Amino acid sequence: MYRTLCIMVMLAIICGSGCHHEPQTSQLLEDLNSAKSADRLKAVRWLQNRPGDAADVVPALVRSLNDSETDIRLSAAIGLGYFGSDADSALPELEKRLADKDVRVRRAAEVAISRIQGEE
């Protein structure tokens, strides 16, 4: 019993430090074109945390603002806000989202615009 517990603890430590595989930005950008909305949503949410890749990620998130799935548009707007002034090219599309049919997307677009313009 003790031996089994020790092995489980060691595996948890090893996996905790290296078993988690974070997808590459290039793969996530490809996933945005998936027919599966779950793949697109996962990609948008991962891409929100890639400030070092703003040149590639911001245009991709801007395109995602026009996705047919509400949660993807919502996550794209939120993500663009995280990029701050690096996402100033997104302002025209975010302004269009102020008229989105979903109130959550409209609100996320408002917040993103404020963050990009340095107001929040």
PDB file of N, CA and C in Angstrom:
ATOM      1  N   MET A   1       0.832  -1.191   0.000  1.00  0.00           N
ATOM      2  CA  MET A   1       0.000   0.000   0.000  1.00  0.00           C
ATOM      3  C   MET A   1       0.876   1.255   0.000  1.00  0.00           C
ATOM      4  N   TYR A   2       1.864   1.300   0.900  1.00  0.00           N
ATOM      5  CA  TYR A   2       2.743   2.463   0.994  1.00  0.00           C
ATOM      6  C   TYR A   2       3.529   2.642  -0.305  1.00  0.00           C
ATOM      7  N   ARG A   3       4.011   1.530  -0.864  1.00  0.00           N
ATOM      8  CA  ARG A   3       4.781   1.574  -2.106  1.00  0.00           C
ATOM      9  C   ARG A   3       3.921   2.131  -3.242  1.00  0.00           C
ATOM     10  N   THR A   4       2.686   1.680  -3.334  1.00  0.00           N
ATOM     11  CA  THR A   4       1.769   2.159  -4.365  1.00  0.00           C
ATOM     12  C   THR A   4       1.523   3.653  -4.210  1.00  0.00           C
ATOM     13  N   LEU A   5       1.332   4.091  -2.990  1.00  0.00           N
ATOM     14  CA  LEU A   5       1.107   5.508  -2.723  1.00  0.00           C
ATOM     15  C   LEU A   5       2.320   6.329  -3.135  1.00  0.00           C
ATOM     16  N   CYS A   6       3.514   5.850  -2.813  1.00  0.00           N
ATOM     17  CA  CYS A   6       4.738   6.557  -3.192  1.00  0.00           C
ATOM     18  C   CYS A   6       4.867   6.669  -4.707  1.00  0.00           C
ATOM     19  N   ILE A   7       4.555   5.601  -5.407  1.00  0.00           N
ATOM     20  CA  ILE A   7       4.627   5.620  -6.868  1.00  0.00           C
ATOM     21  C   ILE A   7       3.624   6.618  -7.433  1.00  0.00           C
ATOM     22  N   MET A   8       2.436   6.649  -6.880  1.00  0.00           N
ATOM     23  CA  MET A   8       1.413   7.587  -7.354  1.00  0.00           C
ATOM     24  C   MET A   8       1.847   9.026  -7.114  1.00  0.00           C
ATOM     25  N   VAL A   9       2.447   9.297  -5.966  1.00  0.00           N
ATOM     26  CA  VAL A   9       2.924  10.648  -5.657  1.00  0.00           C
ATOM     27  C   VAL A   9       4.033  11.037  -6.623  1.00  0.00           C
ATOM     28  N   MET A  10       4.959  10.133  -6.886  1.00  0.00           N
ATOM     29  CA  MET A  10       6.050  10.437  -7.816  1.00  0.00           C
ATOM     30  C   MET A  10       5.516  10.706  -9.219  1.00  0.00           C
ATOM     31  N   LEU A  11       4.561   9.927  -9.661  1.00  0.00           N
ATOM     32  CA  LEU A  11       3.969  10.158 -10.978  1.00  0.00           C
ATOM     33  C   LEU A  11       3.261  11.504 -11.042  1.00  0.00           C
ATOM     34  N   ALA A  12       2.581  11.857  -9.981  1.00  0.00           N
ATOM     35  CA  ALA A  12       1.894  13.150  -9.936  1.00  0.00           C
ATOM     36  C   ALA A  12       2.895  14.291 -10.025  1.00  0.00           C
ATOM     37  N   ILE A  13       4.021  14.152  -9.339  1.00  0.00           N
ATOM     38  CA  ILE A  13       5.054  15.190  -9.376  1.00  0.00           C
ATOM     39  C   ILE A  13       5.651  15.286 -10.774  1.00  0.00           C
ATOM     40  N   ILE A  14       5.974  14.161 -11.364  1.00  0.00           N
ATOM     41  CA  ILE A  14       6.564  14.147 -12.702  1.00  0.00           C
ATOM     42  C   ILE A  14       5.592  14.731 -13.720  1.00  0.00           C
ATOM     43  N   CYS A  15       4.364  14.299 -13.690  1.00  0.00           N
ATOM     44  CA  CYS A  15       3.369  14.791 -14.649  1.00  0.00           C
ATOM     45  C   CYS A  15       3.040  16.250 -14.404  1.00  0.00           C
ATOM     46  N   GLY A  16       3.045  16.655 -13.166  1.00  0.00           N
ATOM     47  CA  GLY A  16       2.747  18.047 -12.853  1.00  0.00           C
ATOM     48  C   GLY A  16       3.779  18.995 -13.414  1.00  0.00           C
ATOM     49  N   SER A  17       4.978  18.505 -13.644  1.00  0.00           N
ATOM     50  CA  SER A  17       6.029  19.378 -14.139  1.00  0.00           C
ATOM     51  C   SER A  17       6.303  19.222 -15.627  1.00  0.00           C
ATOM     52  N   GLY A  18       5.652  18.276 -16.286  1.00  0.00           N
ATOM     53  CA  GLY A  18       5.973  18.142 -17.692  1.00  0.00           C
ATOM     54  C   GLY A  18       4.976  17.394 -18.544  1.00  0.00           C
ATOM     55  N   CYS A  19       3.966  16.828 -17.989  1.00  0.00           N
ATOM     56  CA  CYS A  19       3.013  16.057 -18.790  1.00  0.00           C
ATOM     57  C   CYS A  19       1.972  16.947 -19.451  1.00  0.00           C
ATOM     58  N   HIS A  20       1.805  18.147 -18.932  1.00  0.00           N
ATOM     59  CA  HIS A  20       0.827  19.068 -19.503  1.00  0.00           C
ATOM     60  C   HIS A  20       1.389  19.629 -20.802  1.00  0.00           C
ATOM     61  N   HIS A  21       0.687  19.413 -21.864  1.00  0.00           N
ATOM     62  CA  HIS A  21       1.146  19.862 -23.174  1.00  0.00           C
ATOM     63  C   HIS A  21       0.353  21.091 -23.589  1.00  0.00           C
ATOM     64  N   GLU A  22       1.040  22.203 -23.684  1.00  0.00           N
ATOM     65  CA  GLU A  22       0.392  23.431 -24.128  1.00  0.00           C
ATOM     66  C   GLU A  22       0.490  23.496 -25.647  1.00  0.00           C
ATOM     67  N   PRO A  23      -0.630  23.679 -26.318  1.00  0.00           N
ATOM     68  CA  PRO A  23      -0.608  23.697 -27.784  1.00  0.00           C
ATOM     69  C   PRO A  23       0.213  24.871 -28.328  1.00  0.00           C
ATOM     70  N   GLN A  24       0.824  24.652 -29.462  1.00  0.00           N
ATOM     71  CA  GLN A  24       1.590  25.692 -30.136  1.00  0.00           C
ATOM     72  C   GLN A  24       0.638  26.707 -30.763  1.00  0.00           C
ATOM     73  N   THR A  25       1.075  27.945 -30.842  1.00  0.00           N
ATOM     74  CA  THR A  25       0.256  29.000 -31.439  1.00  0.00           C
ATOM     75  C   THR A  25      -0.140  28.636 -32.869  1.00  0.00           C
ATOM     76  N   SER A  26       0.786  28.085 -33.630  1.00  0.00           N
ATOM     77  CA  SER A  26       0.476  27.738 -35.025  1.00  0.00           C
ATOM     78  C   SER A  26      -0.651  26.708 -35.110  1.00  0.00           C
ATOM     79  N   GLN A  27      -0.654  25.742 -34.202  1.00  0.00           N
ATOM     80  CA  GLN A  27      -1.719  24.736 -34.193  1.00  0.00           C
ATOM     81  C   GLN A  27      -3.055  25.368 -33.811  1.00  0.00           C
ATOM     82  N   LEU A  28      -3.023  26.266 -32.841  1.00  0.00           N
ATOM     83  CA  LEU A  28      -4.254  26.936 -32.415  1.00  0.00           C
ATOM     84  C   LEU A  28      -4.828  27.789 -33.540  1.00  0.00           C
ATOM     85  N   LEU A  29      -3.956  28.455 -34.281  1.00  0.00           N
ATOM     86  CA  LEU A  29      -4.427  29.261 -35.408  1.00  0.00           C
ATOM     87  C   LEU A  29      -5.090  28.378 -36.462  1.00  0.00           C
ATOM     88  N   GLU A  30      -4.543  27.198 -36.683  1.00  0.00           N
ATOM     89  CA  GLU A  30      -5.175  26.247 -37.606  1.00  0.00           C
ATOM     90  C   GLU A  30      -6.529  25.785 -37.072  1.00  0.00           C
ATOM     91  N   ASP A  31      -6.596  25.555 -35.759  1.00  0.00           N
ATOM     92  CA  ASP A  31      -7.839  25.074 -35.147  1.00  0.00           C
ATOM     93  C   ASP A  31      -8.984  26.071 -35.286  1.00  0.00           C
ATOM     94  N   LEU A  32      -8.665  27.340 -35.487  1.00  0.00           N
ATOM     95  CA  LEU A  32      -9.724  28.332 -35.674  1.00  0.00           C
ATOM     96  C   LEU A  32     -10.520  28.073 -36.947  1.00  0.00           C
ATOM     97  N   ASN A  33      -9.958  27.301 -37.860  1.00  0.00           N
ATOM     98  CA  ASN A  33     -10.646  26.970 -39.113  1.00  0.00           C
ATOM     99  C   ASN A  33     -11.381  25.641 -39.047  1.00  0.00           C
ATOM    100  N   SER A  34     -11.387  25.011 -37.890  1.00  0.00           N
ATOM    101  CA  SER A  34     -12.034  23.711 -37.735  1.00  0.00           C
ATOM    102  C   SER A  34     -13.543  23.817 -37.941  1.00  0.00           C
ATOM    103  N   ALA A  35     -14.121  22.760 -38.460  1.00  0.00           N
ATOM    104  CA  ALA A  35     -15.578  22.693 -38.586  1.00  0.00           C
ATOM    105  C   ALA A  35     -16.234  22.493 -37.227  1.00  0.00           C
ATOM    106  N   LYS A  36     -15.465  22.040 -36.258  1.00  0.00           N
ATOM    107  CA  LYS A  36     -15.994  21.778 -34.917  1.00  0.00           C
ATOM    108  C   LYS A  36     -15.901  23.042 -34.062  1.00  0.00           C
ATOM    109  N   SER A  37     -17.032  23.495 -33.581  1.00  0.00           N
ATOM    110  CA  SER A  37     -17.038  24.711 -32.767  1.00  0.00           C
ATOM    111  C   SER A  37     -16.242  24.527 -31.478  1.00  0.00           C
ATOM    112  N   ALA A  38     -16.210  23.324 -30.929  1.00  0.00           N
ATOM    113  CA  ALA A  38     -15.440  23.082 -29.701  1.00  0.00           C
ATOM    114  C   ALA A  38     -13.951  23.313 -29.938  1.00  0.00           C
ATOM    115  N   ASP A  39     -13.449  22.933 -31.104  1.00  0.00           N
ATOM    116  CA  ASP A  39     -12.041  23.173 -31.437  1.00  0.00           C
ATOM    117  C   ASP A  39     -11.771  24.662 -31.571  1.00  0.00           C
ATOM    118  N   ARG A  40     -12.690  25.373 -32.227  1.00  0.00           N
ATOM    119  CA  ARG A  40     -12.510  26.814 -32.408  1.00  0.00           C
ATOM    120  C   ARG A  40     -12.549  27.536 -31.070  1.00  0.00           C
ATOM    121  N   LEU A  41     -13.467  27.131 -30.201  1.00  0.00           N
ATOM    122  CA  LEU A  41     -13.583  27.769 -28.892  1.00  0.00           C
ATOM    123  C   LEU A  41     -12.329  27.525 -28.060  1.00  0.00           C
ATOM    124  N   LYS A  42     -11.852  26.298 -28.059  1.00  0.00           N
ATOM    125  CA  LYS A  42     -10.626  25.976 -27.322  1.00  0.00           C
ATOM    126  C   LYS A  42      -9.471  26.831 -27.834  1.00  0.00           C
ATOM    127  N   ALA A  43      -9.359  26.951 -29.146  1.00  0.00           N
ATOM    128  CA  ALA A  43      -8.273  27.728 -29.739  1.00  0.00           C
ATOM    129  C   ALA A  43      -8.358  29.199 -29.344  1.00  0.00           C
ATOM    130  N   VAL A  44      -9.552  29.773 -29.428  1.00  0.00           N
ATOM    131  CA  VAL A  44      -9.718  31.183 -29.064  1.00  0.00           C
ATOM    132  C   VAL A  44      -9.327  31.405 -27.606  1.00  0.00           C
ATOM    133  N   ARG A  45      -9.733  30.508 -26.744  1.00  0.00           N
ATOM    134  CA  ARG A  45      -9.430  30.672 -25.318  1.00  0.00           C
ATOM    135  C   ARG A  45      -7.941  30.520 -25.027  1.00  0.00           C
ATOM    136  N   TRP A  46      -7.252  29.622 -25.707  1.00  0.00           N
ATOM    137  CA  TRP A  46      -5.805  29.498 -25.531  1.00  0.00           C
ATOM    138  C   TRP A  46      -5.097  30.723 -26.096  1.00  0.00           C
ATOM    139  N   LEU A  47      -5.560  31.208 -27.244  1.00  0.00           N
ATOM    140  CA  LEU A  47      -4.890  32.329 -27.904  1.00  0.00           C
ATOM    141  C   LEU A  47      -4.990  33.622 -27.109  1.00  0.00           C
ATOM    142  N   GLN A  48      -5.967  33.728 -26.244  1.00  0.00           N
ATOM    143  CA  GLN A  48      -6.103  34.923 -25.404  1.00  0.00           C
ATOM    144  C   GLN A  48      -4.856  35.162 -24.566  1.00  0.00           C
ATOM    145  N   ASN A  49      -4.120  34.112 -24.290  1.00  0.00           N
ATOM    146  CA  ASN A  49      -2.968  34.187 -23.392  1.00  0.00           C
ATOM    147  C   ASN A  49      -1.643  34.142 -24.141  1.00  0.00           C
ATOM    148  N   ARG A  50      -1.611  34.686 -25.328  1.00  0.00           N
ATOM    149  CA  ARG A  50      -0.387  34.675 -26.135  1.00  0.00           C
ATOM    150  C   ARG A  50       0.037  36.097 -26.509  1.00  0.00           C
ATOM    151  N   PRO A  51       0.287  36.972 -25.532  1.00  0.00           N
ATOM    152  CA  PRO A  51       0.627  38.358 -25.859  1.00  0.00           C
ATOM    153  C   PRO A  51       1.887  38.492 -26.706  1.00  0.00           C
ATOM    154  N   GLY A  52       2.811  37.553 -26.587  1.00  0.00           N
ATOM    155  CA  GLY A  52       4.029  37.613 -27.383  1.00  0.00           C
ATOM    156  C   GLY A  52       3.799  37.329 -28.858  1.00  0.00           C
ATOM    157  N   ASP A  53       2.638  36.801 -29.180  1.00  0.00           N
ATOM    158  CA  ASP A  53       2.296  36.462 -30.561  1.00  0.00           C
ATOM    159  C   ASP A  53       1.212  37.381 -31.117  1.00  0.00           C
ATOM    160  N   ALA A  54       1.134  38.593 -30.610  1.00  0.00           N
ATOM    161  CA  ALA A  54       0.046  39.504 -30.975  1.00  0.00           C
ATOM    162  C   ALA A  54      -0.072  39.713 -32.482  1.00  0.00           C
ATOM    163  N   ALA A  55       1.036  39.781 -33.187  1.00  0.00           N
ATOM    164  CA  ALA A  55       0.990  40.039 -34.631  1.00  0.00           C
ATOM    165  C   ALA A  55       0.200  38.970 -35.376  1.00  0.00           C
ATOM    166  N   ASP A  56       0.261  37.734 -34.907  1.00  0.00           N
ATOM    167  CA  ASP A  56      -0.485  36.648 -35.545  1.00  0.00           C
ATOM    168  C   ASP A  56      -1.845  36.421 -34.904  1.00  0.00           C
ATOM    169  N   VAL A  57      -1.901  36.599 -33.590  1.00  0.00           N
ATOM    170  CA  VAL A  57      -3.110  36.247 -32.844  1.00  0.00           C
ATOM    171  C   VAL A  57      -4.214  37.287 -33.005  1.00  0.00           C
ATOM    172  N   VAL A  58      -3.878  38.556 -32.951  1.00  0.00           N
ATOM    173  CA  VAL A  58      -4.909  39.599 -33.018  1.00  0.00           C
ATOM    174  C   VAL A  58      -5.739  39.487 -34.301  1.00  0.00           C
ATOM    175  N   PRO A  59      -5.132  39.377 -35.490  1.00  0.00           N
ATOM    176  CA  PRO A  59      -5.968  39.231 -36.695  1.00  0.00           C
ATOM    177  C   PRO A  59      -6.853  37.983 -36.654  1.00  0.00           C
ATOM    178  N   ALA A  60      -6.342  36.911 -36.067  1.00  0.00           N
ATOM    179  CA  ALA A  60      -7.135  35.677 -35.968  1.00  0.00           C
ATOM    180  C   ALA A  60      -8.324  35.870 -35.037  1.00  0.00           C
ATOM    181  N   LEU A  61      -8.109  36.555 -33.922  1.00  0.00           N
ATOM    182  CA  LEU A  61      -9.216  36.817 -32.995  1.00  0.00           C
ATOM    183  C   LEU A  61     -10.230  37.767 -33.625  1.00  0.00           C
ATOM    184  N   VAL A  62      -9.748  38.712 -34.414  1.00  0.00           N
ATOM    185  CA  VAL A  62     -10.667  39.621 -35.116  1.00  0.00           C
ATOM    186  C   VAL A  62     -11.578  38.816 -36.044  1.00  0.00           C
ATOM    187  N   ARG A  63     -11.010  37.871 -36.775  1.00  0.00           N
ATOM    188  CA  ARG A  63     -11.841  37.027 -37.656  1.00  0.00           C
ATOM    189  C   ARG A  63     -12.852  36.224 -36.838  1.00  0.00           C
ATOM    190  N   SER A  64     -12.447  35.807 -35.651  1.00  0.00           N
ATOM    191  CA  SER A  64     -13.339  35.015 -34.794  1.00  0.00           C
ATOM    192  C   SER A  64     -14.504  35.831 -34.253  1.00  0.00           C
ATOM    193  N   LEU A  65     -14.406  37.145 -34.307  1.00  0.00           N
ATOM    194  CA  LEU A  65     -15.533  37.984 -33.890  1.00  0.00           C
ATOM    195  C   LEU A  65     -16.749  37.765 -34.782  1.00  0.00           C
ATOM    196  N   ASN A  66     -16.531  37.199 -35.957  1.00  0.00           N
ATOM    197  CA  ASN A  66     -17.627  36.958 -36.902  1.00  0.00           C
ATOM    198  C   ASN A  66     -18.086  35.509 -36.922  1.00  0.00           C
ATOM    199  N   ASP A  67     -17.623  34.707 -35.963  1.00  0.00           N
ATOM    200  CA  ASP A  67     -18.014  33.298 -35.904  1.00  0.00           C
ATOM    201  C   ASP A  67     -19.517  33.191 -35.656  1.00  0.00           C
ATOM    202  N   SER A  68     -20.110  32.117 -36.133  1.00  0.00           N
ATOM    203  CA  SER A  68     -21.547  31.906 -35.926  1.00  0.00           C
ATOM    204  C   SER A  68     -21.880  31.539 -34.479  1.00  0.00           C
ATOM    205  N   GLU A  69     -20.895  31.051 -33.731  1.00  0.00           N
ATOM    206  CA  GLU A  69     -21.108  30.641 -32.339  1.00  0.00           C
ATOM    207  C   GLU A  69     -20.892  31.816 -31.384  1.00  0.00           C
ATOM    208  N   THR A  70     -21.880  32.070 -30.564  1.00  0.00           N
ATOM    209  CA  THR A  70     -21.820  33.182 -29.616  1.00  0.00           C
ATOM    210  C   THR A  70     -20.624  33.085 -28.684  1.00  0.00           C
ATOM    211  N   ASP A  71     -20.367  31.907 -28.118  1.00  0.00           N
ATOM    212  CA  ASP A  71     -19.265  31.771 -27.161  1.00  0.00           C
ATOM    213  C   ASP A  71     -17.911  32.060 -27.795  1.00  0.00           C
ATOM    214  N   ILE A  72     -17.782  31.793 -29.069  1.00  0.00           N
ATOM    215  CA  ILE A  72     -16.524  32.079 -29.754  1.00  0.00           C
ATOM    216  C   ILE A  72     -16.375  33.579 -29.956  1.00  0.00           C
ATOM    217  N   ARG A  73     -17.449  34.248 -30.366  1.00  0.00           N
ATOM    218  CA  ARG A  73     -17.398  35.710 -30.506  1.00  0.00           C
ATOM    219  C   ARG A  73     -17.101  36.359 -29.159  1.00  0.00           C
ATOM    220  N   LEU A  74     -17.751  35.859 -28.118  1.00  0.00           N
ATOM    221  CA  LEU A  74     -17.544  36.379 -26.770  1.00  0.00           C
ATOM    222  C   LEU A  74     -16.088  36.221 -26.349  1.00  0.00           C
ATOM    223  N   SER A  75     -15.540  35.033 -26.514  1.00  0.00           N
ATOM    224  CA  SER A  75     -14.154  34.773 -26.112  1.00  0.00           C
ATOM    225  C   SER A  75     -13.163  35.574 -26.947  1.00  0.00           C
ATOM    226  N   ALA A  76     -13.463  35.767 -28.216  1.00  0.00           N
ATOM    227  CA  ALA A  76     -12.587  36.568 -29.069  1.00  0.00           C
ATOM    228  C   ALA A  76     -12.557  38.017 -28.595  1.00  0.00           C
ATOM    229  N   ALA A  77     -13.717  38.564 -28.262  1.00  0.00           N
ATOM    230  CA  ALA A  77     -13.771  39.943 -27.770  1.00  0.00           C
ATOM    231  C   ALA A  77     -13.012  40.078 -26.454  1.00  0.00           C
ATOM    232  N   ILE A  78     -13.230  39.150 -25.546  1.00  0.00           N
ATOM    233  CA  ILE A  78     -12.513  39.174 -24.269  1.00  0.00           C
ATOM    234  C   ILE A  78     -11.010  39.107 -24.521  1.00  0.00           C
ATOM    235  N   GLY A  79     -10.607  38.183 -25.378  1.00  0.00           N
ATOM    236  CA  GLY A  79      -9.190  38.006 -25.668  1.00  0.00           C
ATOM    237  C   GLY A  79      -8.547  39.243 -26.260  1.00  0.00           C
ATOM    238  N   LEU A  80      -9.241  39.904 -27.159  1.00  0.00           N
ATOM    239  CA  LEU A  80      -8.686  41.118 -27.757  1.00  0.00           C
ATOM    240  C   LEU A  80      -8.449  42.187 -26.701  1.00  0.00           C
ATOM    241  N   GLY A  81      -9.317  42.252 -25.714  1.00  0.00           N
ATOM    242  CA  GLY A  81      -9.111  43.204 -24.629  1.00  0.00           C
ATOM    243  C   GLY A  81      -7.836  42.939 -23.858  1.00  0.00           C
ATOM    244  N   TYR A  82      -7.468  41.680 -23.720  1.00  0.00           N
ATOM    245  CA  TYR A  82      -6.242  41.317 -23.000  1.00  0.00           C
ATOM    246  C   TYR A  82      -4.986  41.819 -23.707  1.00  0.00           C
ATOM    247  N   PHE A  83      -5.074  42.031 -25.011  1.00  0.00           N
ATOM    248  CA  PHE A  83      -3.906  42.477 -25.764  1.00  0.00           C
ATOM    249  C   PHE A  83      -3.687  43.986 -25.668  1.00  0.00           C
ATOM    250  N   GLY A  84      -4.650  44.700 -25.103  1.00  0.00           N
ATOM    251  CA  GLY A  84      -4.491  46.139 -24.923  1.00  0.00           C
ATOM    252  C   GLY A  84      -4.201  46.844 -26.235  1.00  0.00           C
ATOM    253  N   SER A  85      -3.271  47.800 -26.192  1.00  0.00           N
ATOM    254  CA  SER A  85      -2.986  48.618 -27.373  1.00  0.00           C
ATOM    255  C   SER A  85      -2.417  47.809 -28.540  1.00  0.00           C
ATOM    256  N   ASP A  86      -1.919  46.609 -28.283  1.00  0.00           N
ATOM    257  CA  ASP A  86      -1.445  45.758 -29.380  1.00  0.00           C
ATOM    258  C   ASP A  86      -2.593  45.310 -30.284  1.00  0.00           C
ATOM    259  N   ALA A  87      -3.823  45.513 -29.828  1.00  0.00           N
ATOM    260  CA  ALA A  87      -4.997  45.091 -30.606  1.00  0.00           C
ATOM    261  C   ALA A  87      -5.760  46.282 -31.175  1.00  0.00           C
ATOM    262  N   ASP A  88      -5.088  47.417 -31.339  1.00  0.00           N
ATOM    263  CA  ASP A  88      -5.819  48.593 -31.832  1.00  0.00           C
ATOM    264  C   ASP A  88      -6.390  48.382 -33.231  1.00  0.00           C
ATOM    265  N   SER A  89      -5.812  47.482 -34.008  1.00  0.00           N
ATOM    266  CA  SER A  89      -6.362  47.189 -35.339  1.00  0.00           C
ATOM    267  C   SER A  89      -7.720  46.491 -35.257  1.00  0.00           C
ATOM    268  N   ALA A  90      -8.071  45.995 -34.073  1.00  0.00           N
ATOM    269  CA  ALA A  90      -9.343  45.291 -33.883  1.00  0.00           C
ATOM    270  C   ALA A  90     -10.506  46.239 -33.603  1.00  0.00           C
ATOM    271  N   LEU A  91     -10.223  47.494 -33.351  1.00  0.00           N
ATOM    272  CA  LEU A  91     -11.282  48.426 -32.944  1.00  0.00           C
ATOM    273  C   LEU A  91     -12.463  48.492 -33.915  1.00  0.00           C
ATOM    274  N   PRO A  92     -12.251  48.581 -35.228  1.00  0.00           N
ATOM    275  CA  PRO A  92     -13.420  48.645 -36.125  1.00  0.00           C
ATOM    276  C   PRO A  92     -14.342  47.431 -35.997  1.00  0.00           C
ATOM    277  N   GLU A  93     -13.768  46.240 -35.909  1.00  0.00           N
ATOM    278  CA  GLU A  93     -14.605  45.037 -35.780  1.00  0.00           C
ATOM    279  C   GLU A  93     -15.254  44.954 -34.407  1.00  0.00           C
ATOM    280  N   LEU A  94     -14.541  45.377 -33.371  1.00  0.00           N
ATOM    281  CA  LEU A  94     -15.140  45.381 -32.032  1.00  0.00           C
ATOM    282  C   LEU A  94     -16.316  46.350 -31.978  1.00  0.00           C
ATOM    283  N   GLU A  95     -16.186  47.485 -32.659  1.00  0.00           N
ATOM    284  CA  GLU A  95     -17.290  48.446 -32.688  1.00  0.00           C
ATOM    285  C   GLU A  95     -18.520  47.840 -33.361  1.00  0.00           C
ATOM    286  N   LYS A  96     -18.310  47.008 -34.364  1.00  0.00           N
ATOM    287  CA  LYS A  96     -19.442  46.313 -34.994  1.00  0.00           C
ATOM    288  C   LYS A  96     -20.114  45.358 -34.010  1.00  0.00           C
ATOM    289  N   ARG A  97     -19.333  44.760 -33.135  1.00  0.00           N
ATOM    290  CA  ARG A  97     -19.876  43.808 -32.148  1.00  0.00           C
ATOM    291  C   ARG A  97     -20.714  44.514 -31.085  1.00  0.00           C
ATOM    292  N   LEU A  98     -20.668  45.828 -31.026  1.00  0.00           N
ATOM    293  CA  LEU A  98     -21.527  46.568 -30.097  1.00  0.00           C
ATOM    294  C   LEU A  98     -22.996  46.405 -30.476  1.00  0.00           C
ATOM    295  N   ALA A  99     -23.239  45.908 -31.680  1.00  0.00           N
ATOM    296  CA  ALA A  99     -24.608  45.640 -32.140  1.00  0.00           C
ATOM    297  C   ALA A  99     -24.885  44.138 -32.221  1.00  0.00           C
ATOM    298  N   ASP A 100     -24.045  43.323 -31.605  1.00  0.00           N
ATOM    299  CA  ASP A 100     -24.230  41.868 -31.632  1.00  0.00           C
ATOM    300  C   ASP A 100     -25.576  41.512 -31.018  1.00  0.00           C
ATOM    301  N   LYS A 101     -26.143  40.404 -31.470  1.00  0.00           N
ATOM    302  CA  LYS A 101     -27.445  39.981 -30.944  1.00  0.00           C
ATOM    303  C   LYS A 101     -27.365  39.506 -29.501  1.00  0.00           C
ATOM    304  N   ASP A 102     -26.178  39.154 -29.023  1.00  0.00           N
ATOM    305  CA  ASP A 102     -26.010  38.662 -27.652  1.00  0.00           C
ATOM    306  C   ASP A 102     -25.440  39.768 -26.762  1.00  0.00           C
ATOM    307  N   VAL A 103     -26.106  40.034 -25.669  1.00  0.00           N
ATOM    308  CA  VAL A 103     -25.696  41.105 -24.767  1.00  0.00           C
ATOM    309  C   VAL A 103     -24.307  40.858 -24.181  1.00  0.00           C
ATOM    310  N   ARG A 104     -23.947  39.599 -23.978  1.00  0.00           N
ATOM    311  CA  ARG A 104     -22.622  39.302 -23.414  1.00  0.00           C
ATOM    312  C   ARG A 104     -21.514  39.693 -24.386  1.00  0.00           C
ATOM    313  N   VAL A 105     -21.751  39.466 -25.658  1.00  0.00           N
ATOM    314  CA  VAL A 105     -20.767  39.847 -26.671  1.00  0.00           C
ATOM    315  C   VAL A 105     -20.673  41.365 -26.742  1.00  0.00           C
ATOM    316  N   ARG A 106     -21.821  42.032 -26.697  1.00  0.00           N
ATOM    317  CA  ARG A 106     -21.814  43.500 -26.720  1.00  0.00           C
ATOM    318  C   ARG A 106     -21.017  44.057 -25.548  1.00  0.00           C
ATOM    319  N   ARG A 107     -21.250  43.512 -24.372  1.00  0.00           N
ATOM    320  CA  ARG A 107     -20.546  43.991 -23.174  1.00  0.00           C
ATOM    321  C   ARG A 107     -19.048  43.685 -23.258  1.00  0.00           C
ATOM    322  N   ALA A 108     -18.691  42.504 -23.730  1.00  0.00           N
ATOM    323  CA  ALA A 108     -17.274  42.148 -23.869  1.00  0.00           C
ATOM    324  C   ALA A 108     -16.588  43.069 -24.878  1.00  0.00           C
ATOM    325  N   ALA A 109     -17.298  43.431 -25.942  1.00  0.00           N
ATOM    326  CA  ALA A 109     -16.739  44.355 -26.931  1.00  0.00           C
ATOM    327  C   ALA A 109     -16.503  45.726 -26.306  1.00  0.00           C
ATOM    328  N   GLU A 110     -17.443  46.193 -25.493  1.00  0.00           N
ATOM    329  CA  GLU A 110     -17.273  47.477 -24.797  1.00  0.00           C
ATOM    330  C   GLU A 110     -16.024  47.461 -23.925  1.00  0.00           C
ATOM    331  N   VAL A 111     -15.884  46.411 -23.146  1.00  0.00           N
ATOM    332  CA  VAL A 111     -14.734  46.297 -22.242  1.00  0.00           C
ATOM    333  C   VAL A 111     -13.438  46.220 -23.043  1.00  0.00           C
ATOM    334  N   ALA A 112     -13.437  45.435 -24.110  1.00  0.00           N
ATOM    335  CA  ALA A 112     -12.234  45.301 -24.938  1.00  0.00           C
ATOM    336  C   ALA A 112     -11.836  46.641 -25.541  1.00  0.00           C
ATOM    337  N   ILE A 113     -12.802  47.379 -26.043  1.00  0.00           N
ATOM    338  CA  ILE A 113     -12.516  48.701 -26.617  1.00  0.00           C
ATOM    339  C   ILE A 113     -11.892  49.602 -25.560  1.00  0.00           C
ATOM    340  N   SER A 114     -12.445  49.598 -24.363  1.00  0.00           N
ATOM    341  CA  SER A 114     -11.898  50.417 -23.275  1.00  0.00           C
ATOM    342  C   SER A 114     -10.463  50.020 -22.950  1.00  0.00           C
ATOM    343  N   ARG A 115     -10.205  48.737 -22.886  1.00  0.00           N
ATOM    344  CA  ARG A 115      -8.848  48.265 -22.567  1.00  0.00           C
ATOM    345  C   ARG A 115      -7.861  48.622 -23.673  1.00  0.00           C
ATOM    346  N   ILE A 116      -8.278  48.449 -24.904  1.00  0.00           N
ATOM    347  CA  ILE A 116      -7.393  48.748 -26.030  1.00  0.00           C
ATOM    348  C   ILE A 116      -7.068  50.235 -26.064  1.00  0.00           C
ATOM    349  N   GLN A 117      -8.052  51.060 -25.738  1.00  0.00           N
ATOM    350  CA  GLN A 117      -7.847  52.507 -25.740  1.00  0.00           C
ATOM    351  C   GLN A 117      -7.209  53.006 -24.445  1.00  0.00           C
ATOM    352  N   GLY A 118      -6.922  52.087 -23.529  1.00  0.00           N
ATOM    353  CA  GLY A 118      -6.250  52.448 -22.286  1.00  0.00           C
ATOM    354  C   GLY A 118      -7.135  53.111 -21.261  1.00  0.00           C
ATOM    355  N   GLU A 119      -8.448  52.936 -21.387  1.00  0.00           N
ATOM    356  CA  GLU A 119      -9.389  53.573 -20.465  1.00  0.00           C
ATOM    357  C   GLU A 119      -9.705  52.703 -19.267  1.00  0.00           C
ATOM    358  N   GLU A 120      -9.312  51.449 -19.305  1.00  0.00           N
ATOM    359  CA  GLU A 120      -9.652  50.543 -18.200  1.00  0.00           C
ATOM    360  C   GLU A 120      -8.430  49.842 -17.685  1.00  0.00           C
TER     361      GLU A 120
END
